[in-house]
PDB file of N, CA and C in Angstrom:
ATOM      1  N   MET A   1       0.984  -1.074  -0.078  1.00  0.00           N
ATOM      2  CA  MET A   1       0.155  -0.118  -0.044  1.00  0.00           C
ATOM      3  C   MET A   1       1.130   1.143  -0.150  1.00  0.00           C
ATOM      4  N   LEU A   2       0.591   2.198  -0.955  1.00  0.00           N
ATOM      5  CA  LEU A   2       1.574   3.465  -1.154  1.00  0.00           C
ATOM      6  C   LEU A   2       1.234   4.495  -0.151  1.00  0.00           C
ATOM      7  N   VAL A   3      -0.351   4.668   0.038  1.00  0.00           N
ATOM      8  CA  VAL A   3      -0.846   5.562   0.975  1.00  0.00           C
ATOM      9  C   VAL A   3      -1.886   5.114   1.731  1.00  0.00           C
ATOM     10  N   GLN A   4      -1.866   5.319   3.138  1.00  0.00           N
ATOM     11  CA  GLN A   4      -3.292   5.198   3.757  1.00  0.00           C
ATOM     12  C   GLN A   4      -3.580   6.313   4.697  1.00  0.00           C
ATOM     13  N   GLY A   5      -4.780   6.696   4.522  1.00  0.00           N
ATOM     14  CA  GLY A   5      -5.265   7.767   5.094  1.00  0.00           C
ATOM     15  C   GLY A   5      -5.367   7.678   6.532  1.00  0.00           C
ATOM     16  N   GLY A   6      -5.616   8.830   7.192  1.00  0.00           N
ATOM     17  CA  GLY A   6      -5.862   9.044   8.724  1.00  0.00           C
ATOM     18  C   GLY A   6      -4.583   8.316   9.483  1.00  0.00           C
ATOM     19  N   GLY A   7      -5.023   7.973  10.740  1.00  0.00           N
ATOM     20  CA  GLY A   7      -3.911   7.401  11.483  1.00  0.00           C
ATOM     21  C   GLY A   7      -2.676   8.323  11.896  1.00  0.00           C
ATOM     22  N   LEU A   8      -1.576   7.659  12.032  1.00  0.00           N
ATOM     23  CA  LEU A   8      -0.481   8.637  12.238  1.00  0.00           C
ATOM     24  C   LEU A   8      -0.287   9.435  11.412  1.00  0.00           C
ATOM     25  N   GLN A   9      -0.112   9.325  10.093  1.00  0.00           N
ATOM     26  CA  GLN A   9      -0.060  10.242   8.834  1.00  0.00           C
ATOM     27  C   GLN A   9      -0.706  11.566   9.077  1.00  0.00           C
ATOM     28  N   SER A  10      -2.105  11.244   9.596  1.00  0.00           N
ATOM     29  CA  SER A  10      -3.025  12.265   9.633  1.00  0.00           C
ATOM     30  C   SER A  10      -3.160  12.721   8.197  1.00  0.00           C
ATOM     31  N   LEU A  11      -3.327  11.996   7.128  1.00  0.00           N
ATOM     32  CA  LEU A  11      -3.666  12.466   5.736  1.00  0.00           C
ATOM     33  C   LEU A  11      -4.946  12.101   5.269  1.00  0.00           C
ATOM     34  N   PRO A  12      -5.532  12.942   4.366  1.00  0.00           N
ATOM     35  CA  PRO A  12      -7.041  12.491   4.141  1.00  0.00           C
ATOM     36  C   PRO A  12      -6.972  11.222   3.344  1.00  0.00           C
ATOM     37  N   SER A  13      -8.215  10.765   3.563  1.00  0.00           N
ATOM     38  CA  SER A  13      -8.243   9.332   2.686  1.00  0.00           C
ATOM     39  C   SER A  13      -8.237   9.415   1.282  1.00  0.00           C
ATOM     40  N   PRO A  14      -7.422   8.482   0.674  1.00  0.00           N
ATOM     41  CA  PRO A  14      -7.172   8.612  -0.963  1.00  0.00           C
ATOM     42  C   PRO A  14      -8.209   8.110  -1.368  1.00  0.00           C
ATOM     43  N   LYS A  15      -8.755   8.550  -2.644  1.00  0.00           N
ATOM     44  CA  LYS A  15      -9.778   8.198  -3.537  1.00  0.00           C
ATOM     45  C   LYS A  15      -9.544   8.241  -4.920  1.00  0.00           C
ATOM     46  N   SER A  16     -10.008   7.502  -5.644  1.00  0.00           N
ATOM     47  CA  SER A  16      -9.723   7.533  -7.380  1.00  0.00           C
ATOM     48  C   SER A  16      -8.486   7.936  -7.736  1.00  0.00           C
ATOM     49  N   PRO A  17      -7.576   7.114  -7.883  1.00  0.00           N
ATOM     50  CA  PRO A  17      -6.185   7.073  -8.159  1.00  0.00           C
ATOM     51  C   PRO A  17      -6.234   7.093  -9.629  1.00  0.00           C
ATOM     52  N   ALA A  18      -4.908   7.568 -10.351  1.00  0.00           N
ATOM     53  CA  ALA A  18      -4.645   7.765 -11.593  1.00  0.00           C
ATOM     54  C   ALA A  18      -3.481   7.864 -11.933  1.00  0.00           C
ATOM     55  N   TRP A  19      -2.783   7.051 -12.834  1.00  0.00           N
ATOM     56  CA  TRP A  19      -1.440   7.000 -13.407  1.00  0.00           C
ATOM     57  C   TRP A  19      -1.210   8.373 -14.175  1.00  0.00           C
ATOM     58  N   SER A  20       0.189   8.701 -13.980  1.00  0.00           N
ATOM     59  CA  SER A  20       0.781   9.814 -14.778  1.00  0.00           C
ATOM     60  C   SER A  20       0.961   9.474 -15.943  1.00  0.00           C
ATOM     61  N   PRO A  21       1.136  10.036 -17.091  1.00  0.00           N
ATOM     62  CA  PRO A  21       1.439   9.653 -18.419  1.00  0.00           C
ATOM     63  C   PRO A  21       2.644   8.975 -18.561  1.00  0.00           C
ATOM     64  N   ASP A  22       3.673   9.015 -17.855  1.00  0.00           N
ATOM     65  CA  ASP A  22       4.911   8.377 -17.762  1.00  0.00           C
ATOM     66  C   ASP A  22       5.135   7.126 -16.827  1.00  0.00           C
ATOM     67  N   SER A  23       3.787   6.842 -16.145  1.00  0.00           N
ATOM     68  CA  SER A  23       3.741   5.772 -15.285  1.00  0.00           C
ATOM     69  C   SER A  23       4.633   5.815 -14.025  1.00  0.00           C
ATOM     70  N   GLN A  24       5.149   6.867 -13.926  1.00  0.00           N
ATOM     71  CA  GLN A  24       6.088   7.080 -12.627  1.00  0.00           C
ATOM     72  C   GLN A  24       5.417   7.441 -11.386  1.00  0.00           C
ATOM     73  N   THR A  25       4.340   8.133 -11.448  1.00  0.00           N
ATOM     74  CA  THR A  25       3.585   8.777 -10.354  1.00  0.00           C
ATOM     75  C   THR A  25       2.213   8.327 -10.322  1.00  0.00           C
ATOM     76  N   ILE A  26       1.412   8.293  -9.266  1.00  0.00           N
ATOM     77  CA  ILE A  26       0.134   8.117  -8.910  1.00  0.00           C
ATOM     78  C   ILE A  26      -0.363   9.265  -8.526  1.00  0.00           C
ATOM     79  N   TYR A  27      -1.336   9.890  -9.058  1.00  0.00           N
ATOM     80  CA  TYR A  27      -2.105  11.205  -8.636  1.00  0.00           C
ATOM     81  C   TYR A  27      -3.304  10.605  -8.174  1.00  0.00           C
ATOM     82  N   TYR A  28      -3.747  11.111  -6.945  1.00  0.00           N
ATOM     83  CA  TYR A  28      -5.180  10.570  -6.390  1.00  0.00           C
ATOM     84  C   TYR A  28      -5.878  11.720  -5.843  1.00  0.00           C
ATOM     85  N   LYS A  29      -7.190  11.857  -5.776  1.00  0.00           N
ATOM     86  CA  LYS A  29      -8.058  12.870  -5.076  1.00  0.00           C
ATOM     87  C   LYS A  29      -8.154  12.302  -3.681  1.00  0.00           C
ATOM     88  N   ALA A  30      -8.289  13.104  -2.738  1.00  0.00           N
ATOM     89  CA  ALA A  30      -8.650  12.838  -1.278  1.00  0.00           C
ATOM     90  C   ALA A  30      -9.697  13.810  -0.651  1.00  0.00           C
ATOM     91  N   VAL A  31     -10.399  13.304   0.075  1.00  0.00           N
ATOM     92  CA  VAL A  31     -11.144  14.207   0.962  1.00  0.00           C
ATOM     93  C   VAL A  31     -10.873  14.095   2.342  1.00  0.00           C
ATOM     94  N   ASP A  32     -10.937  15.302   3.024  1.00  0.00           N
ATOM     95  CA  ASP A  32     -10.550  15.274   4.591  1.00  0.00           C
ATOM     96  C   ASP A  32     -11.814  15.090   5.169  1.00  0.00           C
ATOM     97  N   SER A  33     -11.698  15.196   6.686  1.00  0.00           N
ATOM     98  CA  SER A  33     -12.830  15.003   7.647  1.00  0.00           C
ATOM     99  C   SER A  33     -13.740  16.021   7.607  1.00  0.00           C
ATOM    100  N   GLU A  34     -13.339  17.387   7.038  1.00  0.00           N
ATOM    101  CA  GLU A  34     -14.140  18.363   6.642  1.00  0.00           C
ATOM    102  C   GLU A  34     -14.835  18.696   5.363  1.00  0.00           C
ATOM    103  N   GLY A  35     -14.544  17.485   4.464  1.00  0.00           N
ATOM    104  CA  GLY A  35     -15.430  17.371   3.134  1.00  0.00           C
ATOM    105  C   GLY A  35     -14.592  18.270   2.273  1.00  0.00           C
ATOM    106  N   ARG A  36     -13.368  18.929   2.485  1.00  0.00           N
ATOM    107  CA  ARG A  36     -12.425  19.369   1.643  1.00  0.00           C
ATOM    108  C   ARG A  36     -11.745  18.525   0.580  1.00  0.00           C
ATOM    109  N   SER A  37     -11.703  18.589  -0.657  1.00  0.00           N
ATOM    110  CA  SER A  37     -11.181  17.839  -1.615  1.00  0.00           C
ATOM    111  C   SER A  37      -9.592  18.313  -1.932  1.00  0.00           C
ATOM    112  N   SER A  38      -8.812  17.337  -2.154  1.00  0.00           N
ATOM    113  CA  SER A  38      -7.685  17.758  -2.613  1.00  0.00           C
ATOM    114  C   SER A  38      -6.952  16.744  -3.706  1.00  0.00           C
ATOM    115  N   PHE A  39      -5.874  17.127  -4.213  1.00  0.00           N
ATOM    116  CA  PHE A  39      -5.136  16.358  -5.211  1.00  0.00           C
ATOM    117  C   PHE A  39      -3.548  16.188  -4.612  1.00  0.00           C
ATOM    118  N   TRP A  40      -3.189  14.899  -4.697  1.00  0.00           N
ATOM    119  CA  TRP A  40      -1.820  14.378  -4.272  1.00  0.00           C
ATOM    120  C   TRP A  40      -1.025  13.532  -5.254  1.00  0.00           C
ATOM    121  N   ALA A  41       0.210  13.628  -5.341  1.00  0.00           N
ATOM    122  CA  ALA A  41       1.107  12.920  -5.915  1.00  0.00           C
ATOM    123  C   ALA A  41       1.807  11.938  -4.995  1.00  0.00           C
ATOM    124  N   ILE A  42       2.229  10.834  -5.434  1.00  0.00           N
ATOM    125  CA  ILE A  42       3.360   9.908  -4.952  1.00  0.00           C
ATOM    126  C   ILE A  42       3.944   9.081  -5.824  1.00  0.00           C
ATOM    127  N   PRO A  43       5.437   8.965  -5.814  1.00  0.00           N
ATOM    128  CA  PRO A  43       6.034   8.218  -6.741  1.00  0.00           C
ATOM    129  C   PRO A  43       5.665   6.571  -6.674  1.00  0.00           C
ATOM    130  N   VAL A  44       5.673   6.129  -7.804  1.00  0.00           N
ATOM    131  CA  VAL A  44       5.405   4.609  -7.898  1.00  0.00           C
ATOM    132  C   VAL A  44       6.364   3.734  -6.972  1.00  0.00           C
ATOM    133  N   ALA A  45       7.533   4.240  -6.691  1.00  0.00           N
ATOM    134  CA  ALA A  45       8.629   3.670  -6.253  1.00  0.00           C
ATOM    135  C   ALA A  45       8.270   3.976  -4.793  1.00  0.00           C
ATOM    136  N   GLY A  46       7.607   4.610  -4.302  1.00  0.00           N
ATOM    137  CA  GLY A  46       7.174   4.984  -2.815  1.00  0.00           C
ATOM    138  C   GLY A  46       7.705   6.297  -2.441  1.00  0.00           C
ATOM    139  N   GLY A  47       7.470   6.722  -1.173  1.00  0.00           N
ATOM    140  CA  GLY A  47       7.871   7.927  -0.547  1.00  0.00           C
ATOM    141  C   GLY A  47       6.598   8.476   0.041  1.00  0.00           C
ATOM    142  N   GLU A  48       6.963   9.743   0.312  1.00  0.00           N
ATOM    143  CA  GLU A  48       5.896  10.714   0.920  1.00  0.00           C
ATOM    144  C   GLU A  48       4.883  11.292  -0.020  1.00  0.00           C
ATOM    145  N   PRO A  49       3.570  11.307   0.167  1.00  0.00           N
ATOM    146  CA  PRO A  49       2.651  11.791  -0.787  1.00  0.00           C
ATOM    147  C   PRO A  49       2.835  13.266  -0.740  1.00  0.00           C
ATOM    148  N   ARG A  50       2.580  13.925  -1.779  1.00  0.00           N
ATOM    149  CA  ARG A  50       2.888  15.524  -2.012  1.00  0.00           C
ATOM    150  C   ARG A  50       1.702  16.024  -2.266  1.00  0.00           C
ATOM    151  N   LEU A  51       0.962  17.162  -1.456  1.00  0.00           N
ATOM    152  CA  LEU A  51       0.028  17.586  -1.827  1.00  0.00           C
ATOM    153  C   LEU A  51       0.149  18.868  -3.059  1.00  0.00           C
ATOM    154  N   LEU A  52      -0.718  18.629  -4.014  1.00  0.00           N
ATOM    155  CA  LEU A  52      -0.515  19.301  -5.201  1.00  0.00           C
ATOM    156  C   LEU A  52      -1.565  20.651  -5.098  1.00  0.00           C
ATOM    157  N   VAL A  53      -2.742  20.329  -4.629  1.00  0.00           N
ATOM    158  CA  VAL A  53      -3.710  21.396  -4.781  1.00  0.00           C
ATOM    159  C   VAL A  53      -4.687  20.984  -3.685  1.00  0.00           C
ATOM    160  N   ARG A  54      -5.257  22.058  -2.823  1.00  0.00           N
ATOM    161  CA  ARG A  54      -6.306  21.738  -2.015  1.00  0.00           C
ATOM    162  C   ARG A  54      -7.729  22.708  -2.338  1.00  0.00           C
ATOM    163  N   PHE A  55      -8.739  22.268  -2.227  1.00  0.00           N
ATOM    164  CA  PHE A  55      -9.783  23.349  -2.533  1.00  0.00           C
ATOM    165  C   PHE A  55     -10.403  23.702  -1.225  1.00  0.00           C
ATOM    166  N   ASP A  56     -10.220  24.895  -0.633  1.00  0.00           N
ATOM    167  CA  ASP A  56     -10.559  25.193   0.713  1.00  0.00           C
ATOM    168  C   ASP A  56     -11.994  25.926   0.762  1.00  0.00           C
ATOM    169  N   ASP A  57     -12.476  26.585  -0.358  1.00  0.00           N
ATOM    170  CA  ASP A  57     -13.740  27.022  -0.389  1.00  0.00           C
ATOM    171  C   ASP A  57     -14.931  26.037  -0.430  1.00  0.00           C
ATOM    172  N   PRO A  58     -15.471  25.978   0.718  1.00  0.00           N
ATOM    173  CA  PRO A  58     -16.696  25.205   0.899  1.00  0.00           C
ATOM    174  C   PRO A  58     -17.839  25.141  -0.161  1.00  0.00           C
ATOM    175  N   ALA A  59     -18.071  26.278  -0.798  1.00  0.00           N
ATOM    176  CA  ALA A  59     -18.926  26.657  -1.695  1.00  0.00           C
ATOM    177  C   ALA A  59     -18.527  25.965  -3.214  1.00  0.00           C
ATOM    178  N   ARG A  60     -17.443  25.722  -3.294  1.00  0.00           N
ATOM    179  CA  ARG A  60     -16.803  25.199  -4.709  1.00  0.00           C
ATOM    180  C   ARG A  60     -16.339  23.634  -4.186  1.00  0.00           C
ATOM    181  N   ARG A  61     -16.690  22.660  -4.604  1.00  0.00           N
ATOM    182  CA  ARG A  61     -16.327  21.369  -4.423  1.00  0.00           C
ATOM    183  C   ARG A  61     -15.956  20.548  -5.632  1.00  0.00           C
ATOM    184  N   VAL A  62     -15.111  19.476  -5.401  1.00  0.00           N
ATOM    185  CA  VAL A  62     -14.868  18.745  -6.680  1.00  0.00           C
ATOM    186  C   VAL A  62     -16.001  17.528  -6.244  1.00  0.00           C
ATOM    187  N   SER A  63     -17.220  17.508  -7.112  1.00  0.00           N
ATOM    188  CA  SER A  63     -18.124  16.715  -6.376  1.00  0.00           C
ATOM    189  C   SER A  63     -18.130  15.145  -7.228  1.00  0.00           C
ATOM    190  N   ARG A  64     -17.355  14.827  -8.243  1.00  0.00           N
ATOM    191  CA  ARG A  64     -17.209  13.656  -8.689  1.00  0.00           C
ATOM    192  C   ARG A  64     -15.862  12.956  -8.419  1.00  0.00           C
ATOM    193  N   GLN A  65     -15.743  11.768  -8.479  1.00  0.00           N
ATOM    194  CA  GLN A  65     -14.470  11.161  -8.083  1.00  0.00           C
ATOM    195  C   GLN A  65     -13.722  11.011  -9.366  1.00  0.00           C
ATOM    196  N   GLU A  66     -14.132  11.035 -10.554  1.00  0.00           N
ATOM    197  CA  GLU A  66     -13.295  10.819 -11.464  1.00  0.00           C
ATOM    198  C   GLU A  66     -12.552  12.025 -11.993  1.00  0.00           C
ATOM    199  N   PHE A  67     -11.346  11.882 -12.461  1.00  0.00           N
ATOM    200  CA  PHE A  67     -10.577  13.055 -12.942  1.00  0.00           C
ATOM    201  C   PHE A  67      -9.388  12.430 -14.034  1.00  0.00           C
ATOM    202  N   THR A  68      -8.775  13.310 -14.601  1.00  0.00           N
ATOM    203  CA  THR A  68      -7.783  12.877 -15.520  1.00  0.00           C
ATOM    204  C   THR A  68      -6.592  14.001 -15.598  1.00  0.00           C
ATOM    205  N   THR A  69      -5.372  13.568 -16.110  1.00  0.00           N
ATOM    206  CA  THR A  69      -4.372  14.373 -16.108  1.00  0.00           C
ATOM    207  C   THR A  69      -3.669  14.197 -17.137  1.00  0.00           C
ATOM    208  N   ASP A  70      -2.781  15.171 -17.589  1.00  0.00           N
ATOM    209  CA  ASP A  70      -2.062  15.150 -18.720  1.00  0.00           C
ATOM    210  C   ASP A  70      -0.409  15.194 -17.997  1.00  0.00           C
ATOM    211  N   GLY A  71      -0.442  15.003 -16.764  1.00  0.00           N
ATOM    212  CA  GLY A  71       1.028  15.160 -16.131  1.00  0.00           C
ATOM    213  C   GLY A  71       1.240  16.648 -15.653  1.00  0.00           C
ATOM    214  N   GLN A  72       0.613  17.506 -16.416  1.00  0.00           N
ATOM    215  CA  GLN A  72       0.966  18.873 -15.964  1.00  0.00           C
ATOM    216  C   GLN A  72      -0.664  19.792 -15.523  1.00  0.00           C
ATOM    217  N   ARG A  73      -1.718  19.362 -16.046  1.00  0.00           N
ATOM    218  CA  ARG A  73      -2.809  19.796 -15.519  1.00  0.00           C
ATOM    219  C   ARG A  73      -3.929  18.564 -15.115  1.00  0.00           C
ATOM    220  N   PHE A  74      -5.029  19.011 -14.395  1.00  0.00           N
ATOM    221  CA  PHE A  74      -5.951  18.091 -13.827  1.00  0.00           C
ATOM    222  C   PHE A  74      -7.188  18.552 -14.499  1.00  0.00           C
ATOM    223  N   PHE A  75      -8.013  17.559 -14.820  1.00  0.00           N
ATOM    224  CA  PHE A  75      -9.357  18.001 -15.499  1.00  0.00           C
ATOM    225  C   PHE A  75     -10.266  17.420 -14.714  1.00  0.00           C
ATOM    226  N   PHE A  76     -11.112  18.175 -14.240  1.00  0.00           N
ATOM    227  CA  PHE A  76     -12.430  17.451 -13.387  1.00  0.00           C
ATOM    228  C   PHE A  76     -13.411  18.280 -13.315  1.00  0.00           C
ATOM    229  N   THR A  77     -14.584  17.745 -12.703  1.00  0.00           N
ATOM    230  CA  THR A  77     -15.811  18.409 -12.527  1.00  0.00           C
ATOM    231  C   THR A  77     -15.757  19.467 -11.329  1.00  0.00           C
ATOM    232  N   LEU A  78     -16.133  20.485 -11.232  1.00  0.00           N
ATOM    233  CA  LEU A  78     -16.299  21.614 -10.110  1.00  0.00           C
ATOM    234  C   LEU A  78     -17.628  21.874 -10.047  1.00  0.00           C
ATOM    235  N   ARG A  79     -18.135  22.015  -8.706  1.00  0.00           N
ATOM    236  CA  ARG A  79     -19.258  22.078  -8.394  1.00  0.00           C
ATOM    237  C   ARG A  79     -19.533  23.479  -7.622  1.00  0.00           C
ATOM    238  N   GLU A  80     -20.558  24.293  -7.888  1.00  0.00           N
ATOM    239  CA  GLU A  80     -20.926  25.521  -7.149  1.00  0.00           C
ATOM    240  C   GLU A  80     -22.317  25.237  -6.468  1.00  0.00           C
ATOM    241  N   GLN A  81     -22.120  25.212  -5.272  1.00  0.00           N
ATOM    242  CA  GLN A  81     -23.489  25.241  -4.376  1.00  0.00           C
ATOM    243  C   GLN A  81     -24.102  26.571  -4.545  1.00  0.00           C
ATOM    244  N   GLU A  82     -25.590  26.570  -5.307  1.00  0.00           N
ATOM    245  CA  GLU A  82     -26.117  27.615  -5.385  1.00  0.00           C
ATOM    246  C   GLU A  82     -27.389  27.904  -4.622  1.00  0.00           C
ATOM    247  N   SER A  83     -27.743  26.716  -4.011  1.00  0.00           N
ATOM    248  CA  SER A  83     -29.096  27.039  -3.235  1.00  0.00           C
ATOM    249  C   SER A  83     -29.209  25.607  -2.491  1.00  0.00           C
ATOM    250  N   ASP A  84     -29.917  25.598  -1.344  1.00  0.00           N
ATOM    251  CA  ASP A  84     -30.057  24.528  -0.658  1.00  0.00           C
ATOM    252  C   ASP A  84     -31.760  23.949  -0.956  1.00  0.00           C
ATOM    253  N   VAL A  85     -32.327  24.625  -1.664  1.00  0.00           N
ATOM    254  CA  VAL A  85     -33.673  24.260  -2.201  1.00  0.00           C
ATOM    255  C   VAL A  85     -33.780  23.332  -3.510  1.00  0.00           C
ATOM    256  N   TRP A  86     -34.477  22.271  -3.324  1.00  0.00           N
ATOM    257  CA  TRP A  86     -34.464  21.471  -4.256  1.00  0.00           C
ATOM    258  C   TRP A  86     -36.167  21.586  -4.799  1.00  0.00           C
ATOM    259  N   VAL A  87     -36.426  21.740  -6.294  1.00  0.00           N
ATOM    260  CA  VAL A  87     -37.591  21.518  -6.576  1.00  0.00           C
ATOM    261  C   VAL A  87     -37.601  20.161  -7.624  1.00  0.00           C
ATOM    262  N   MET A  88     -38.897  19.465  -7.534  1.00  0.00           N
ATOM    263  CA  MET A  88     -38.977  18.494  -8.273  1.00  0.00           C
ATOM    264  C   MET A  88     -40.504  18.398  -8.675  1.00  0.00           C
ATOM    265  N   GLU A  89     -40.682  18.182 -10.073  1.00  0.00           N
ATOM    266  CA  GLU A  89     -41.977  18.272 -10.612  1.00  0.00           C
ATOM    267  C   GLU A  89     -42.403  16.920 -10.968  1.00  0.00           C
ATOM    268  N   LEU A  90     -43.506  16.402 -10.363  1.00  0.00           N
ATOM    269  CA  LEU A  90     -44.004  15.032 -10.530  1.00  0.00           C
ATOM    270  C   LEU A  90     -45.303  15.093 -11.736  1.00  0.00           C
ATOM    271  N   GLY A  91     -45.176  14.351 -12.728  1.00  0.00           N
ATOM    272  CA  GLY A  91     -46.171  14.244 -13.701  1.00  0.00           C
ATOM    273  C   GLY A  91     -46.993  13.096 -13.424  1.00  0.00           C
ATOM    274  N   GLY A  92     -48.269  13.154 -13.845  1.00  0.00           N
ATOM    275  CA  GLY A  92     -48.955  12.127 -13.511  1.00  0.00           C
ATOM    276  C   GLY A  92     -50.330  12.070 -14.395  1.00  0.00           C
ATOM    277  N   GLU A  93     -50.951  11.080 -14.707  1.00  0.00           N
ATOM    278  CA  GLU A  93     -52.078  11.306 -15.446  1.00  0.00           C
ATOM    279  C   GLU A  93     -53.341  11.040 -14.755  1.00  0.00           C
TER     280      GLU A  93
END
């Protein structure tokens, strides 16, 4: 196991791993106990995980697990919470 969340390392739990284009790094998304998402990198040979970016704004969350990378950039869906009101229209005959 390359990364284990929580415990002594106090790292957020890893989710959704993806290989780098050169297969030398594993990138992963993690979510901490406060629901903040972050992206991390760890060499395939092992070592310490390196934080790449953390999303601190609770109104803008990375809501989906999947992402991709070209080794320079991450591509993912970013959600913006606009309301806590949901509307549903039920149709019937």
